Amino acid sequence: MKKKFAMHPRKESLEKAVRFLLAGVLLLANLSVAAAQKDKKKKKDQAQPSDSSKPVLLTDEQQIDYLLSEMLGTWQIGDVEKLHATYADDVSLVSGGWTPPVIGWANYAPIFQQSRARMQRVRMDRSNSYIRVNGNTGWACYQWDFSADVDGQSIQSRGQTTVIVVKRNDHWLIVHNHTSLSPGGAPSSPANTTTPQPTPAKPNGF
C-alpha cells in the first residue's frame, strides 16, 4: 500500500515565493525591454525631424535679391563693416559722375565713409529689379530713388544700377557695381540757398 506524503507547508510556501519572485523578475525584464525599445524609437524620431522643421533653402536669385537689400540697407545706416560683407575685396565700382572707376574695397571704403559722413536722413528705394544667374556668376539691374540732406541741403536723385555677382564659398558677393544717374535726377537745393556748395548727385556704390 502506497502512502501519500503531504508536502510540508513551509516547503510549499517557499516554492510559491520562488515562483512569484521569478514571475516578478520576468515581468520587470519585459518592462525594461519595452521601455528600452520605446526610448530607442523616441530618439530615432527626434533624430529625424519632420519635413516642416527643415530650413527653407533660398534659390540663388533670392539670395542675390537679399544681398542687394543688405547692401543698400547697410549703405543707408552707414555701417562700413556690414557693407564690406556684401562686396568682394577686388570689387570695381563705376559711379554716375565723370570720375575714374574705383578698384578694390580698400580704395572704396574711405570714399564711402567720407561721403556718408556728410549725409543725414538718408533714404533709398529700390524698384524694378531684374536678376539672372548662370552657374556661380550672376547679374542684376534695378532702379533707385535717393534722397538725403547733404551738408544741410536737400538732395534728390534717381538712376539705375547694374551689378555683377559671383558665388565664393557658397556666398554671393558683388564684384562690379555700375551706376548711372537718370537725366532729370539732378540734386534739388532749397530756394533760399545763397552759396550753393558742391554736393554729390548720387552716392557712390549704388
N, C-alpha and C. Protein backbone atom coordinates (compact mmCIF):
# COMPACT_ATOMS: atom_id res chain seq x y z
N MET A 1 0.85 -1.19 0.00
CA MET A 1 0.00 0.00 0.00
C MET A 1 0.88 1.23 0.00
N LYS A 2 0.59 2.09 -0.98
CA LYS A 2 1.41 3.28 -1.10
C LYS A 2 0.92 4.35 -0.16
N LYS A 3 1.83 5.02 0.42
CA LYS A 3 1.49 6.10 1.32
C LYS A 3 1.64 7.44 0.62
N LYS A 4 0.66 8.27 0.84
CA LYS A 4 0.73 9.63 0.29
C LYS A 4 1.36 10.52 1.34
N PHE A 5 2.36 11.19 0.85
CA PHE A 5 3.05 12.11 1.76
C PHE A 5 2.63 13.53 1.41
N ALA A 6 2.07 14.21 2.32
CA ALA A 6 1.67 15.63 2.11
C ALA A 6 2.90 16.51 2.14
N MET A 7 2.91 17.57 1.24
CA MET A 7 4.04 18.48 1.20
C MET A 7 4.06 19.32 2.45
N HIS A 8 5.23 19.50 2.93
CA HIS A 8 5.40 20.29 4.14
C HIS A 8 4.95 21.72 3.86
N PRO A 9 4.15 22.31 4.72
CA PRO A 9 3.63 23.67 4.49
C PRO A 9 4.73 24.69 4.25
N ARG A 10 5.83 24.62 4.95
CA ARG A 10 6.90 25.61 4.79
C ARG A 10 7.54 25.47 3.42
N LYS A 11 7.71 24.20 2.98
CA LYS A 11 8.34 23.98 1.67
C LYS A 11 7.43 24.49 0.57
N GLU A 12 6.13 24.24 0.72
CA GLU A 12 5.16 24.70 -0.27
C GLU A 12 5.14 26.22 -0.36
N SER A 13 5.20 26.87 0.75
CA SER A 13 5.21 28.34 0.78
C SER A 13 6.48 28.88 0.14
N LEU A 14 7.61 28.19 0.37
CA LEU A 14 8.88 28.63 -0.21
C LEU A 14 8.85 28.53 -1.72
N GLU A 15 8.27 27.41 -2.24
CA GLU A 15 8.19 27.25 -3.69
C GLU A 15 7.28 28.31 -4.31
N LYS A 16 6.17 28.61 -3.64
CA LYS A 16 5.28 29.65 -4.14
C LYS A 16 5.99 31.00 -4.19
N ALA A 17 6.77 31.26 -3.14
CA ALA A 17 7.51 32.53 -3.10
C ALA A 17 8.52 32.61 -4.22
N VAL A 18 9.20 31.47 -4.50
CA VAL A 18 10.20 31.44 -5.58
C VAL A 18 9.53 31.67 -6.92
N ARG A 19 8.36 30.97 -7.14
CA ARG A 19 7.64 31.16 -8.40
C ARG A 19 7.18 32.61 -8.56
N PHE A 20 6.69 33.20 -7.49
CA PHE A 20 6.25 34.60 -7.53
C PHE A 20 7.41 35.53 -7.83
N LEU A 21 8.57 35.24 -7.23
CA LEU A 21 9.76 36.06 -7.45
C LEU A 21 10.22 35.97 -8.89
N LEU A 22 10.22 34.71 -9.44
CA LEU A 22 10.63 34.53 -10.84
C LEU A 22 9.68 35.26 -11.78
N ALA A 23 8.38 35.16 -11.47
CA ALA A 23 7.40 35.87 -12.32
C ALA A 23 7.63 37.37 -12.27
N GLY A 24 7.96 37.89 -11.09
CA GLY A 24 8.24 39.32 -10.96
C GLY A 24 9.47 39.73 -11.74
N VAL A 25 10.51 38.88 -11.70
CA VAL A 25 11.75 39.18 -12.45
C VAL A 25 11.48 39.21 -13.94
N LEU A 26 10.72 38.20 -14.43
CA LEU A 26 10.38 38.17 -15.86
C LEU A 26 9.56 39.39 -16.27
N LEU A 27 8.62 39.79 -15.42
CA LEU A 27 7.80 40.96 -15.71
C LEU A 27 8.65 42.22 -15.80
N LEU A 28 9.57 42.37 -14.85
CA LEU A 28 10.47 43.54 -14.88
C LEU A 28 11.35 43.53 -16.11
N ALA A 29 11.82 42.32 -16.49
CA ALA A 29 12.67 42.23 -17.68
C ALA A 29 11.91 42.65 -18.92
N ASN A 30 10.65 42.16 -19.03
CA ASN A 30 9.83 42.54 -20.19
C ASN A 30 9.55 44.03 -20.23
N LEU A 31 9.27 44.59 -19.04
CA LEU A 31 9.03 46.04 -18.96
C LEU A 31 10.27 46.82 -19.36
N SER A 32 11.46 46.35 -18.94
CA SER A 32 12.72 47.04 -19.27
C SER A 32 12.97 47.01 -20.76
N VAL A 33 12.71 45.83 -21.38
CA VAL A 33 12.91 45.72 -22.84
C VAL A 33 11.96 46.65 -23.58
N ALA A 34 10.69 46.67 -23.15
CA ALA A 34 9.70 47.54 -23.80
C ALA A 34 10.08 49.00 -23.64
N ALA A 35 10.55 49.38 -22.45
CA ALA A 35 10.95 50.78 -22.21
C ALA A 35 12.15 51.14 -23.06
N ALA A 36 13.10 50.20 -23.18
CA ALA A 36 14.29 50.47 -23.99
C ALA A 36 13.93 50.65 -25.45
N GLN A 37 13.02 49.80 -25.95
CA GLN A 37 12.59 49.92 -27.34
C GLN A 37 11.85 51.23 -27.58
N LYS A 38 11.01 51.62 -26.61
CA LYS A 38 10.27 52.88 -26.73
C LYS A 38 11.22 54.07 -26.73
N ASP A 39 12.24 54.03 -25.85
CA ASP A 39 13.23 55.11 -25.77
C ASP A 39 14.04 55.19 -27.05
N LYS A 40 14.38 54.01 -27.61
CA LYS A 40 15.15 53.99 -28.85
C LYS A 40 14.36 54.59 -30.00
N LYS A 41 13.04 54.25 -30.05
CA LYS A 41 12.18 54.79 -31.10
C LYS A 41 12.03 56.31 -30.95
N LYS A 42 11.94 56.77 -29.69
CA LYS A 42 11.79 58.20 -29.44
C LYS A 42 13.02 58.95 -29.91
N LYS A 43 14.21 58.39 -29.60
CA LYS A 43 15.46 59.04 -30.03
C LYS A 43 15.57 59.06 -31.55
N LYS A 44 15.11 57.97 -32.19
CA LYS A 44 15.16 57.90 -33.65
C LYS A 44 14.26 58.95 -34.27
N ASP A 45 13.06 59.10 -33.67
CA ASP A 45 12.13 60.12 -34.17
C ASP A 45 12.68 61.52 -33.99
N GLN A 46 13.38 61.76 -32.86
CA GLN A 46 13.98 63.07 -32.62
C GLN A 46 15.13 63.33 -33.57
N ALA A 47 15.86 62.28 -33.95
CA ALA A 47 17.00 62.44 -34.85
C ALA A 47 16.55 62.71 -36.27
N GLN A 48 15.29 62.36 -36.59
CA GLN A 48 14.76 62.59 -37.92
C GLN A 48 13.58 63.54 -37.83
N PRO A 49 13.86 64.86 -37.81
CA PRO A 49 12.78 65.83 -37.68
C PRO A 49 11.84 65.78 -38.87
N SER A 50 10.65 66.21 -38.66
CA SER A 50 9.66 66.22 -39.73
C SER A 50 10.04 67.24 -40.80
N ASP A 51 9.46 67.08 -41.98
CA ASP A 51 9.78 67.97 -43.09
C ASP A 51 9.48 69.43 -42.76
N SER A 52 8.48 69.66 -41.90
CA SER A 52 8.08 71.03 -41.58
C SER A 52 9.16 71.77 -40.80
N SER A 53 10.08 71.02 -40.12
CA SER A 53 11.11 71.68 -39.32
C SER A 53 12.39 71.92 -40.10
N LYS A 54 12.45 71.43 -41.35
CA LYS A 54 13.65 71.63 -42.15
C LYS A 54 13.76 73.09 -42.59
N PRO A 55 15.00 73.66 -42.61
CA PRO A 55 15.15 75.06 -43.03
C PRO A 55 14.81 75.23 -44.50
N VAL A 56 14.19 76.35 -44.81
CA VAL A 56 13.83 76.65 -46.19
C VAL A 56 15.04 77.21 -46.92
N LEU A 57 15.44 76.55 -48.00
CA LEU A 57 16.60 76.98 -48.77
C LEU A 57 16.17 77.99 -49.82
N LEU A 58 16.91 79.12 -49.88
CA LEU A 58 16.61 80.16 -50.86
C LEU A 58 17.27 79.81 -52.18
N THR A 59 16.62 80.17 -53.27
CA THR A 59 17.24 80.00 -54.58
C THR A 59 18.36 81.03 -54.73
N ASP A 60 19.21 80.84 -55.75
CA ASP A 60 20.30 81.79 -55.98
C ASP A 60 19.75 83.18 -56.27
N GLU A 61 18.66 83.24 -57.03
CA GLU A 61 18.06 84.55 -57.32
C GLU A 61 17.58 85.23 -56.05
N GLN A 62 16.97 84.46 -55.14
CA GLN A 62 16.51 85.02 -53.87
C GLN A 62 17.67 85.46 -53.00
N GLN A 63 18.76 84.70 -53.02
CA GLN A 63 19.95 85.08 -52.25
C GLN A 63 20.55 86.38 -52.77
N ILE A 64 20.58 86.54 -54.08
CA ILE A 64 21.12 87.77 -54.67
C ILE A 64 20.22 88.95 -54.35
N ASP A 65 18.90 88.74 -54.41
CA ASP A 65 17.96 89.80 -54.06
C ASP A 65 18.17 90.23 -52.60
N TYR A 66 18.38 89.25 -51.72
CA TYR A 66 18.64 89.56 -50.30
C TYR A 66 19.97 90.29 -50.15
N LEU A 67 20.98 89.90 -50.96
CA LEU A 67 22.28 90.57 -50.94
C LEU A 67 22.14 92.05 -51.29
N LEU A 68 21.34 92.35 -52.31
CA LEU A 68 21.13 93.74 -52.71
C LEU A 68 20.44 94.53 -51.60
N SER A 69 19.46 93.91 -50.96
CA SER A 69 18.78 94.59 -49.84
C SER A 69 19.75 94.86 -48.70
N GLU A 70 20.62 93.88 -48.41
CA GLU A 70 21.62 94.06 -47.35
C GLU A 70 22.58 95.20 -47.71
N MET A 71 23.04 95.22 -48.96
CA MET A 71 23.98 96.24 -49.39
C MET A 71 23.38 97.64 -49.27
N LEU A 72 22.16 97.80 -49.76
CA LEU A 72 21.51 99.11 -49.72
C LEU A 72 21.13 99.51 -48.30
N GLY A 73 20.71 98.54 -47.51
CA GLY A 73 20.34 98.83 -46.12
C GLY A 73 21.53 99.28 -45.29
N THR A 74 22.66 98.58 -45.43
CA THR A 74 23.85 98.96 -44.66
C THR A 74 24.44 100.27 -45.18
N TRP A 75 24.26 100.54 -46.49
CA TRP A 75 24.71 101.83 -47.02
C TRP A 75 23.93 102.97 -46.35
N GLN A 76 22.63 102.79 -46.22
CA GLN A 76 21.80 103.85 -45.64
C GLN A 76 22.15 104.15 -44.19
N ILE A 77 22.45 103.11 -43.41
CA ILE A 77 22.77 103.35 -41.99
C ILE A 77 24.25 103.66 -41.79
N GLY A 78 25.05 103.52 -42.84
CA GLY A 78 26.46 103.90 -42.75
C GLY A 78 27.35 102.88 -42.06
N ASP A 79 26.98 101.61 -42.09
CA ASP A 79 27.78 100.56 -41.43
C ASP A 79 28.79 100.01 -42.43
N VAL A 80 30.03 100.47 -42.34
CA VAL A 80 31.04 100.10 -43.33
C VAL A 80 31.42 98.63 -43.23
N GLU A 81 31.41 98.06 -42.02
CA GLU A 81 31.79 96.66 -41.86
C GLU A 81 30.75 95.74 -42.50
N LYS A 82 29.48 96.00 -42.25
CA LYS A 82 28.42 95.18 -42.84
C LYS A 82 28.37 95.39 -44.35
N LEU A 83 28.65 96.60 -44.79
CA LEU A 83 28.68 96.86 -46.22
C LEU A 83 29.79 96.05 -46.89
N HIS A 84 30.92 95.95 -46.23
CA HIS A 84 32.05 95.17 -46.76
C HIS A 84 31.67 93.71 -46.97
N ALA A 85 30.77 93.19 -46.12
CA ALA A 85 30.37 91.79 -46.22
C ALA A 85 29.62 91.51 -47.52
N THR A 86 29.14 92.56 -48.21
CA THR A 86 28.41 92.36 -49.45
C THR A 86 29.29 92.56 -50.68
N TYR A 87 30.48 93.11 -50.50
CA TYR A 87 31.39 93.40 -51.61
C TYR A 87 32.63 92.51 -51.55
N ALA A 88 33.10 92.10 -52.71
CA ALA A 88 34.36 91.38 -52.80
C ALA A 88 35.52 92.36 -52.61
N ASP A 89 36.64 91.86 -52.14
CA ASP A 89 37.80 92.73 -51.94
C ASP A 89 38.30 93.30 -53.27
N ASP A 90 38.07 92.57 -54.36
CA ASP A 90 38.55 93.03 -55.66
C ASP A 90 37.42 93.70 -56.47
N VAL A 91 36.44 94.26 -55.78
CA VAL A 91 35.32 94.89 -56.46
C VAL A 91 35.76 96.10 -57.28
N SER A 92 35.04 96.37 -58.36
CA SER A 92 35.23 97.59 -59.14
C SER A 92 33.90 98.34 -59.15
N LEU A 93 33.98 99.67 -59.01
CA LEU A 93 32.77 100.49 -58.93
C LEU A 93 32.86 101.66 -59.90
N VAL A 94 31.77 101.84 -60.66
CA VAL A 94 31.68 102.95 -61.60
C VAL A 94 30.51 103.81 -61.17
N SER A 95 30.77 105.08 -60.88
CA SER A 95 29.72 105.97 -60.39
C SER A 95 29.02 106.67 -61.56
N GLY A 96 27.96 107.41 -61.23
CA GLY A 96 27.22 108.13 -62.26
C GLY A 96 27.89 109.42 -62.68
N GLY A 97 28.93 109.82 -61.95
CA GLY A 97 29.64 111.05 -62.29
C GLY A 97 30.83 110.78 -63.20
N TRP A 98 31.43 111.87 -63.68
CA TRP A 98 32.59 111.75 -64.57
C TRP A 98 33.86 111.57 -63.73
N THR A 99 33.98 110.38 -63.15
CA THR A 99 35.13 110.07 -62.29
C THR A 99 35.67 108.69 -62.68
N PRO A 100 36.95 108.46 -62.45
CA PRO A 100 37.53 107.15 -62.79
C PRO A 100 36.89 106.04 -61.95
N PRO A 101 36.88 104.84 -62.46
CA PRO A 101 36.37 103.71 -61.67
C PRO A 101 37.20 103.53 -60.39
N VAL A 102 36.54 103.07 -59.37
CA VAL A 102 37.22 102.77 -58.11
C VAL A 102 37.48 101.27 -58.09
N ILE A 103 38.74 100.90 -57.93
CA ILE A 103 39.12 99.49 -57.98
C ILE A 103 39.54 99.02 -56.59
N GLY A 104 38.83 98.03 -56.07
CA GLY A 104 39.19 97.42 -54.79
C GLY A 104 38.45 98.04 -53.61
N TRP A 105 38.07 97.18 -52.67
CA TRP A 105 37.36 97.64 -51.48
C TRP A 105 38.22 98.61 -50.66
N ALA A 106 39.50 98.36 -50.59
CA ALA A 106 40.39 99.21 -49.79
C ALA A 106 40.37 100.65 -50.29
N ASN A 107 40.15 100.85 -51.58
CA ASN A 107 40.08 102.20 -52.14
C ASN A 107 38.67 102.79 -52.01
N TYR A 108 37.66 101.92 -52.03
CA TYR A 108 36.29 102.41 -51.95
C TYR A 108 35.88 102.77 -50.53
N ALA A 109 36.33 102.02 -49.53
CA ALA A 109 35.88 102.22 -48.14
C ALA A 109 36.05 103.65 -47.66
N PRO A 110 37.23 104.31 -47.85
CA PRO A 110 37.34 105.69 -47.39
C PRO A 110 36.45 106.67 -48.16
N ILE A 111 36.20 106.40 -49.44
CA ILE A 111 35.31 107.25 -50.23
C ILE A 111 33.89 107.15 -49.67
N PHE A 112 33.48 105.93 -49.37
CA PHE A 112 32.15 105.72 -48.79
C PHE A 112 32.03 106.44 -47.44
N GLN A 113 33.02 106.29 -46.59
CA GLN A 113 32.94 106.90 -45.26
C GLN A 113 32.92 108.42 -45.33
N GLN A 114 33.71 109.00 -46.24
CA GLN A 114 33.76 110.46 -46.37
C GLN A 114 32.43 111.01 -46.89
N SER A 115 31.88 110.37 -47.91
CA SER A 115 30.63 110.87 -48.49
C SER A 115 29.45 110.62 -47.55
N ARG A 116 29.46 109.47 -46.89
CA ARG A 116 28.34 109.13 -45.99
C ARG A 116 28.32 110.03 -44.76
N ALA A 117 29.48 110.48 -44.32
CA ALA A 117 29.55 111.35 -43.14
C ALA A 117 28.89 112.70 -43.38
N ARG A 118 28.73 113.09 -44.62
CA ARG A 118 28.14 114.39 -44.95
C ARG A 118 26.62 114.31 -45.05
N MET A 119 26.06 113.10 -44.94
CA MET A 119 24.63 112.90 -45.20
C MET A 119 23.83 112.65 -43.93
N GLN A 120 22.62 113.17 -43.94
CA GLN A 120 21.65 112.93 -42.87
C GLN A 120 20.32 112.53 -43.52
N ARG A 121 19.50 111.83 -42.75
CA ARG A 121 18.16 111.42 -43.21
C ARG A 121 18.22 110.77 -44.59
N VAL A 122 19.08 109.76 -44.70
CA VAL A 122 19.28 109.07 -45.98
C VAL A 122 18.14 108.09 -46.24
N ARG A 123 17.67 108.12 -47.47
CA ARG A 123 16.65 107.17 -47.89
C ARG A 123 16.90 106.76 -49.33
N MET A 124 16.78 105.45 -49.59
CA MET A 124 16.97 104.95 -50.95
C MET A 124 15.99 103.81 -51.18
N ASP A 125 15.18 103.92 -52.21
CA ASP A 125 14.19 102.90 -52.53
C ASP A 125 14.58 102.20 -53.83
N ARG A 126 14.54 100.87 -53.80
CA ARG A 126 14.88 100.07 -54.99
C ARG A 126 13.60 99.56 -55.64
N SER A 127 13.59 99.54 -56.97
CA SER A 127 12.41 99.04 -57.69
C SER A 127 12.84 98.42 -59.00
N ASN A 128 11.90 97.67 -59.61
CA ASN A 128 12.10 97.05 -60.93
C ASN A 128 13.41 96.27 -61.03
N SER A 129 13.65 95.42 -60.04
CA SER A 129 14.87 94.61 -60.04
C SER A 129 14.74 93.44 -61.02
N TYR A 130 15.85 93.13 -61.68
CA TYR A 130 15.91 92.00 -62.60
C TYR A 130 17.18 91.23 -62.29
N ILE A 131 17.07 89.94 -62.01
CA ILE A 131 18.20 89.13 -61.56
C ILE A 131 18.31 87.89 -62.43
N ARG A 132 19.53 87.58 -62.86
CA ARG A 132 19.80 86.36 -63.62
C ARG A 132 21.02 85.66 -63.02
N VAL A 133 21.02 84.34 -63.14
CA VAL A 133 22.13 83.53 -62.62
C VAL A 133 22.58 82.54 -63.68
N ASN A 134 23.89 82.39 -63.80
CA ASN A 134 24.48 81.39 -64.70
C ASN A 134 25.63 80.72 -63.97
N GLY A 135 25.34 79.58 -63.33
CA GLY A 135 26.36 78.90 -62.55
C GLY A 135 26.70 79.68 -61.30
N ASN A 136 27.99 79.97 -61.12
CA ASN A 136 28.45 80.74 -59.96
C ASN A 136 28.60 82.23 -60.27
N THR A 137 27.99 82.66 -61.37
CA THR A 137 28.02 84.08 -61.75
C THR A 137 26.58 84.56 -61.94
N GLY A 138 26.35 85.79 -61.57
CA GLY A 138 25.02 86.36 -61.75
C GLY A 138 25.11 87.85 -61.99
N TRP A 139 24.00 88.42 -62.40
CA TRP A 139 23.96 89.87 -62.60
C TRP A 139 22.55 90.36 -62.28
N ALA A 140 22.49 91.61 -61.92
CA ALA A 140 21.20 92.19 -61.56
C ALA A 140 21.19 93.67 -61.94
N CYS A 141 20.04 94.16 -62.28
CA CYS A 141 19.87 95.60 -62.53
C CYS A 141 18.61 96.05 -61.82
N TYR A 142 18.60 97.30 -61.41
CA TYR A 142 17.44 97.84 -60.71
C TYR A 142 17.46 99.37 -60.81
N GLN A 143 16.30 99.97 -60.54
CA GLN A 143 16.19 101.42 -60.47
C GLN A 143 16.14 101.85 -59.01
N TRP A 144 16.56 103.09 -58.75
CA TRP A 144 16.56 103.56 -57.37
C TRP A 144 16.16 105.03 -57.30
N ASP A 145 15.58 105.39 -56.16
CA ASP A 145 15.26 106.78 -55.81
C ASP A 145 16.00 107.11 -54.53
N PHE A 146 16.77 108.18 -54.56
CA PHE A 146 17.61 108.55 -53.43
C PHE A 146 17.25 109.94 -52.93
N SER A 147 17.23 110.09 -51.61
CA SER A 147 17.05 111.42 -51.02
C SER A 147 17.83 111.48 -49.72
N ALA A 148 18.34 112.68 -49.41
CA ALA A 148 19.11 112.87 -48.18
C ALA A 148 19.36 114.36 -47.99
N ASP A 149 19.78 114.72 -46.78
CA ASP A 149 20.29 116.06 -46.52
C ASP A 149 21.81 115.97 -46.55
N VAL A 150 22.41 116.68 -47.50
CA VAL A 150 23.86 116.65 -47.66
C VAL A 150 24.39 118.04 -47.39
N ASP A 151 25.21 118.16 -46.37
CA ASP A 151 25.75 119.47 -45.96
C ASP A 151 24.62 120.48 -45.74
N GLY A 152 23.51 120.02 -45.19
CA GLY A 152 22.40 120.90 -44.88
C GLY A 152 21.47 121.18 -46.03
N GLN A 153 21.75 120.60 -47.21
CA GLN A 153 20.90 120.82 -48.37
C GLN A 153 20.13 119.55 -48.71
N SER A 154 18.89 119.74 -49.16
CA SER A 154 18.06 118.61 -49.55
C SER A 154 18.47 118.12 -50.95
N ILE A 155 18.78 116.83 -51.02
CA ILE A 155 19.23 116.25 -52.28
C ILE A 155 18.29 115.13 -52.69
N GLN A 156 17.92 115.12 -53.96
CA GLN A 156 17.13 114.04 -54.51
C GLN A 156 17.70 113.65 -55.86
N SER A 157 17.76 112.36 -56.10
CA SER A 157 18.24 111.89 -57.39
C SER A 157 17.69 110.50 -57.64
N ARG A 158 17.75 110.09 -58.88
CA ARG A 158 17.31 108.74 -59.24
C ARG A 158 18.18 108.23 -60.37
N GLY A 159 18.22 106.93 -60.50
CA GLY A 159 19.06 106.35 -61.53
C GLY A 159 18.90 104.84 -61.61
N GLN A 160 19.86 104.20 -62.25
CA GLN A 160 19.83 102.76 -62.43
C GLN A 160 21.21 102.18 -62.10
N THR A 161 21.20 100.96 -61.61
CA THR A 161 22.44 100.29 -61.25
C THR A 161 22.45 98.87 -61.79
N THR A 162 23.60 98.46 -62.26
CA THR A 162 23.83 97.07 -62.67
C THR A 162 24.98 96.51 -61.85
N VAL A 163 24.79 95.35 -61.27
CA VAL A 163 25.85 94.71 -60.51
C VAL A 163 26.13 93.33 -61.08
N ILE A 164 27.38 92.91 -60.98
CA ILE A 164 27.79 91.55 -61.29
C ILE A 164 28.18 90.89 -59.98
N VAL A 165 27.70 89.68 -59.77
CA VAL A 165 27.97 88.97 -58.52
C VAL A 165 28.58 87.61 -58.83
N VAL A 166 29.39 87.12 -57.90
CA VAL A 166 29.97 85.79 -58.02
C VAL A 166 29.74 85.05 -56.71
N LYS A 167 29.68 83.73 -56.81
CA LYS A 167 29.48 82.89 -55.63
C LYS A 167 30.83 82.33 -55.20
N ARG A 168 31.25 82.75 -54.01
CA ARG A 168 32.52 82.28 -53.45
C ARG A 168 32.27 81.68 -52.07
N ASN A 169 32.70 80.43 -51.90
CA ASN A 169 32.47 79.73 -50.64
C ASN A 169 30.99 79.74 -50.25
N ASP A 170 30.14 79.46 -51.24
CA ASP A 170 28.68 79.40 -51.03
C ASP A 170 28.09 80.73 -50.57
N HIS A 171 28.75 81.83 -50.92
CA HIS A 171 28.27 83.15 -50.52
C HIS A 171 28.39 84.10 -51.70
N TRP A 172 27.28 84.76 -52.07
CA TRP A 172 27.29 85.69 -53.19
C TRP A 172 27.92 87.01 -52.78
N LEU A 173 28.77 87.56 -53.65
CA LEU A 173 29.44 88.84 -53.40
C LEU A 173 29.37 89.70 -54.65
N ILE A 174 29.29 91.00 -54.45
CA ILE A 174 29.29 91.95 -55.58
C ILE A 174 30.73 92.18 -56.02
N VAL A 175 31.01 91.94 -57.31
CA VAL A 175 32.37 92.15 -57.83
C VAL A 175 32.42 93.36 -58.75
N HIS A 176 31.25 93.82 -59.19
CA HIS A 176 31.23 95.02 -60.03
C HIS A 176 29.91 95.76 -59.81
N ASN A 177 30.00 97.08 -59.69
CA ASN A 177 28.83 97.91 -59.46
C ASN A 177 28.92 99.10 -60.41
N HIS A 178 27.96 99.20 -61.32
CA HIS A 178 27.95 100.29 -62.30
C HIS A 178 26.63 101.05 -62.15
N THR A 179 26.73 102.32 -61.77
CA THR A 179 25.55 103.14 -61.52
C THR A 179 25.47 104.28 -62.53
N SER A 180 24.27 104.52 -63.03
CA SER A 180 24.02 105.61 -63.97
C SER A 180 22.98 106.55 -63.37
N LEU A 181 23.25 107.84 -63.46
CA LEU A 181 22.32 108.85 -62.98
C LEU A 181 21.32 109.17 -64.07
N SER A 182 20.03 109.16 -63.72
CA SER A 182 18.99 109.42 -64.71
C SER A 182 18.92 110.91 -65.02
N PRO A 183 18.75 111.29 -66.29
CA PRO A 183 18.53 112.71 -66.61
C PRO A 183 17.30 113.23 -65.88
N GLY A 184 17.41 114.43 -65.34
CA GLY A 184 16.30 114.99 -64.57
C GLY A 184 16.37 114.57 -63.12
N GLY A 185 17.39 113.78 -62.78
CA GLY A 185 17.54 113.36 -61.40
C GLY A 185 18.60 114.15 -60.68
N ALA A 186 18.85 115.37 -61.14
CA ALA A 186 19.87 116.20 -60.52
C ALA A 186 19.42 116.64 -59.14
N PRO A 187 20.36 117.00 -58.27
CA PRO A 187 20.01 117.41 -56.91
C PRO A 187 19.17 118.67 -56.88
N SER A 188 18.24 118.74 -55.95
CA SER A 188 17.43 119.94 -55.78
C SER A 188 17.88 120.67 -54.53
N SER A 189 18.08 121.97 -54.62
CA SER A 189 18.56 122.77 -53.49
C SER A 189 17.46 123.69 -53.00
N PRO A 190 17.47 124.01 -51.73
CA PRO A 190 16.47 124.95 -51.20
C PRO A 190 16.53 126.28 -51.92
N ALA A 191 15.38 126.94 -52.07
CA ALA A 191 15.31 128.20 -52.83
C ALA A 191 16.09 129.31 -52.15
N ASN A 192 16.27 129.26 -50.81
CA ASN A 192 16.94 130.35 -50.12
C ASN A 192 18.44 130.12 -49.96
N THR A 193 18.98 129.16 -50.69
CA THR A 193 20.42 128.91 -50.60
C THR A 193 21.15 129.99 -51.38
N THR A 194 21.99 130.74 -50.71
CA THR A 194 22.71 131.84 -51.36
C THR A 194 24.07 131.41 -51.88
N THR A 195 24.68 130.43 -51.21
CA THR A 195 26.00 129.97 -51.63
C THR A 195 25.97 128.46 -51.83
N PRO A 196 25.58 128.03 -53.01
CA PRO A 196 25.50 126.58 -53.24
C PRO A 196 26.87 125.93 -53.08
N GLN A 197 26.88 124.78 -52.47
CA GLN A 197 28.12 124.02 -52.33
C GLN A 197 28.00 122.76 -53.16
N PRO A 198 29.14 122.29 -53.69
CA PRO A 198 29.06 121.08 -54.50
C PRO A 198 28.60 119.89 -53.64
N THR A 199 27.59 119.21 -54.14
CA THR A 199 27.08 118.06 -53.42
C THR A 199 26.94 116.88 -54.38
N PRO A 200 27.12 115.68 -53.90
CA PRO A 200 27.02 114.52 -54.80
C PRO A 200 25.58 114.33 -55.26
N ALA A 201 25.39 114.19 -56.56
CA ALA A 201 24.06 113.95 -57.08
C ALA A 201 23.62 112.52 -56.77
N LYS A 202 24.55 111.64 -56.51
CA LYS A 202 24.25 110.26 -56.23
C LYS A 202 25.36 109.69 -55.36
N PRO A 203 25.04 108.93 -54.34
CA PRO A 203 26.09 108.31 -53.55
C PRO A 203 26.82 107.24 -54.35
N ASN A 204 28.13 107.20 -54.20
CA ASN A 204 28.90 106.16 -54.88
C ASN A 204 28.53 104.80 -54.35
N GLY A 205 28.57 103.82 -55.21
CA GLY A 205 28.37 102.46 -54.77
C GLY A 205 26.94 101.98 -54.77
N PHE A 206 26.04 102.72 -55.41
CA PHE A 206 24.68 102.23 -55.56
C PHE A 206 24.64 101.22 -56.67
